[in-house]
Amino acid sequence: MNELLKDYPPVLSVEQVAEILGVGKQLVRKSIASNELGAIKLGRLYKIPKTALIEFLNHTLNYGKGA
């Protein structure tokens, strides 16, 4: 997973996460609001640590596998 994200900075924008996941920015914001995806709010902007995205992806990929 880390290899796929190696070209990205340690802290990502909503736009970058949307690009990585192939979804819209609104869905990323919804995932943040529901606490599915960890983020830091700086003023009006959200920043997502790369580690939070990896954790989110690992959880999502393992969902339903009994993990």
C-alpha atoms as a PDB file:
ATOM      1  CA  MET A   1       0.000   0.000   0.000  1.00  0.00           C
ATOM      2  CA  ASN A   2       2.783   2.408   0.919  1.00  0.00           C
ATOM      3  CA  GLU A   3       4.392   1.801  -2.465  1.00  0.00           C
ATOM      4  CA  LEU A   4       1.281   3.061  -4.256  1.00  0.00           C
ATOM      5  CA  LEU A   5       1.343   6.288  -2.236  1.00  0.00           C
ATOM      6  CA  LYS A   6       5.103   6.921  -2.259  1.00  0.00           C
ATOM      7  CA  ASP A   7       4.842   9.912  -4.611  1.00  0.00           C
ATOM      8  CA  TYR A   8       2.388  11.700  -2.336  1.00  0.00           C
ATOM      9  CA  PRO A   9       3.295  13.897   0.656  1.00  0.00           C
ATOM     10  CA  PRO A  10       2.799  12.647   4.247  1.00  0.00           C
ATOM     11  CA  VAL A  11      -0.317  14.822   4.616  1.00  0.00           C
ATOM     12  CA  LEU A  12      -2.898  14.863   1.832  1.00  0.00           C
ATOM     13  CA  SER A  13      -5.646  17.235   0.752  1.00  0.00           C
ATOM     14  CA  VAL A  14      -9.244  16.188   0.149  1.00  0.00           C
ATOM     15  CA  GLU A  15      -8.567  16.610  -3.573  1.00  0.00           C
ATOM     16  CA  GLN A  16      -5.553  14.284  -3.467  1.00  0.00           C
ATOM     17  CA  VAL A  17      -7.463  11.612  -1.539  1.00  0.00           C
ATOM     18  CA  ALA A  18     -10.344  11.853  -4.019  1.00  0.00           C
ATOM     19  CA  GLU A  19      -7.866  11.404  -6.877  1.00  0.00           C
ATOM     20  CA  ILE A  20      -6.196   8.406  -5.219  1.00  0.00           C
ATOM     21  CA  LEU A  21      -9.520   6.712  -4.501  1.00  0.00           C
ATOM     22  CA  GLY A  22     -11.148   7.690  -7.789  1.00  0.00           C
ATOM     23  CA  VAL A  23     -14.127   9.283  -6.056  1.00  0.00           C
ATOM     24  CA  GLY A  24     -15.518  12.775  -5.664  1.00  0.00           C
ATOM     25  CA  LYS A  25     -14.379  15.282  -3.049  1.00  0.00           C
ATOM     26  CA  GLN A  26     -17.828  15.213  -1.456  1.00  0.00           C
ATOM     27  CA  LEU A  27     -17.556  11.487  -0.726  1.00  0.00           C
ATOM     28  CA  VAL A  28     -14.169  12.060   0.909  1.00  0.00           C
ATOM     29  CA  ARG A  29     -15.685  14.831   3.054  1.00  0.00           C
ATOM     30  CA  LYS A  30     -18.597  12.536   3.956  1.00  0.00           C
ATOM     31  CA  SER A  31     -16.148   9.824   5.052  1.00  0.00           C
ATOM     32  CA  ILE A  32     -14.352  12.392   7.213  1.00  0.00           C
ATOM     33  CA  ALA A  33     -17.618  13.642   8.734  1.00  0.00           C
ATOM     34  CA  SER A  34     -18.668  10.083   9.619  1.00  0.00           C
ATOM     35  CA  ASN A  35     -15.243   9.421  11.210  1.00  0.00           C
ATOM     36  CA  GLU A  36     -14.512   6.627   8.731  1.00  0.00           C
ATOM     37  CA  LEU A  37     -11.464   8.540   7.499  1.00  0.00           C
ATOM     38  CA  GLY A  38      -9.228  10.346   9.962  1.00  0.00           C
ATOM     39  CA  ALA A  39      -8.462  13.976   9.205  1.00  0.00           C
ATOM     40  CA  ILE A  40      -7.192  17.181  10.757  1.00  0.00           C
ATOM     41  CA  LYS A  41      -9.223  20.349  10.320  1.00  0.00           C
ATOM     42  CA  LEU A  42      -7.166  23.468   9.709  1.00  0.00           C
ATOM     43  CA  GLY A  43      -9.515  26.413   9.453  1.00  0.00           C
ATOM     44  CA  ARG A  44     -11.888  25.435   6.674  1.00  0.00           C
ATOM     45  CA  LEU A  45      -9.583  22.818   5.168  1.00  0.00           C
ATOM     46  CA  TYR A  46      -9.203  19.147   5.976  1.00  0.00           C
ATOM     47  CA  LYS A  47      -5.824  17.450   5.809  1.00  0.00           C
ATOM     48  CA  ILE A  48      -5.606  13.676   5.812  1.00  0.00           C
ATOM     49  CA  PRO A  49      -2.440  12.001   7.096  1.00  0.00           C
ATOM     50  CA  LYS A  50      -1.243   9.330   4.687  1.00  0.00           C
ATOM     51  CA  THR A  51      -1.290   6.870   7.598  1.00  0.00           C
ATOM     52  CA  ALA A  52      -5.020   7.578   8.110  1.00  0.00           C
ATOM     53  CA  LEU A  53      -5.697   6.869   4.442  1.00  0.00           C
ATOM     54  CA  ILE A  54      -3.751   3.600   4.624  1.00  0.00           C
ATOM     55  CA  GLU A  55      -5.668   2.596   7.755  1.00  0.00           C
ATOM     56  CA  PHE A  56      -8.963   3.462   6.035  1.00  0.00           C
ATOM     57  CA  LEU A  57      -8.029   1.396   2.984  1.00  0.00           C
ATOM     58  CA  ASN A  58      -6.881  -1.573   5.050  1.00  0.00           C
ATOM     59  CA  HIS A  59     -10.122  -1.509   7.026  1.00  0.00           C
ATOM     60  CA  THR A  60     -12.206  -1.163   3.864  1.00  0.00           C
ATOM     61  CA  LEU A  61     -10.354  -3.956   2.069  1.00  0.00           C
ATOM     62  CA  ASN A  62     -10.683  -6.280   5.064  1.00  0.00           C
ATOM     63  CA  TYR A  63     -14.355  -5.491   5.670  1.00  0.00           C
ATOM     64  CA  GLY A  64     -16.395  -8.604   5.236  1.00  0.00           C
ATOM     65  CA  LYS A  65     -13.404 -10.930   5.440  1.00  0.00           C
ATOM     66  CA  GLY A  66     -13.959 -11.541   9.130  1.00  0.00           C
ATOM     67  CA  ALA A  67     -11.015  -9.354  10.074  1.00  0.00           C
END
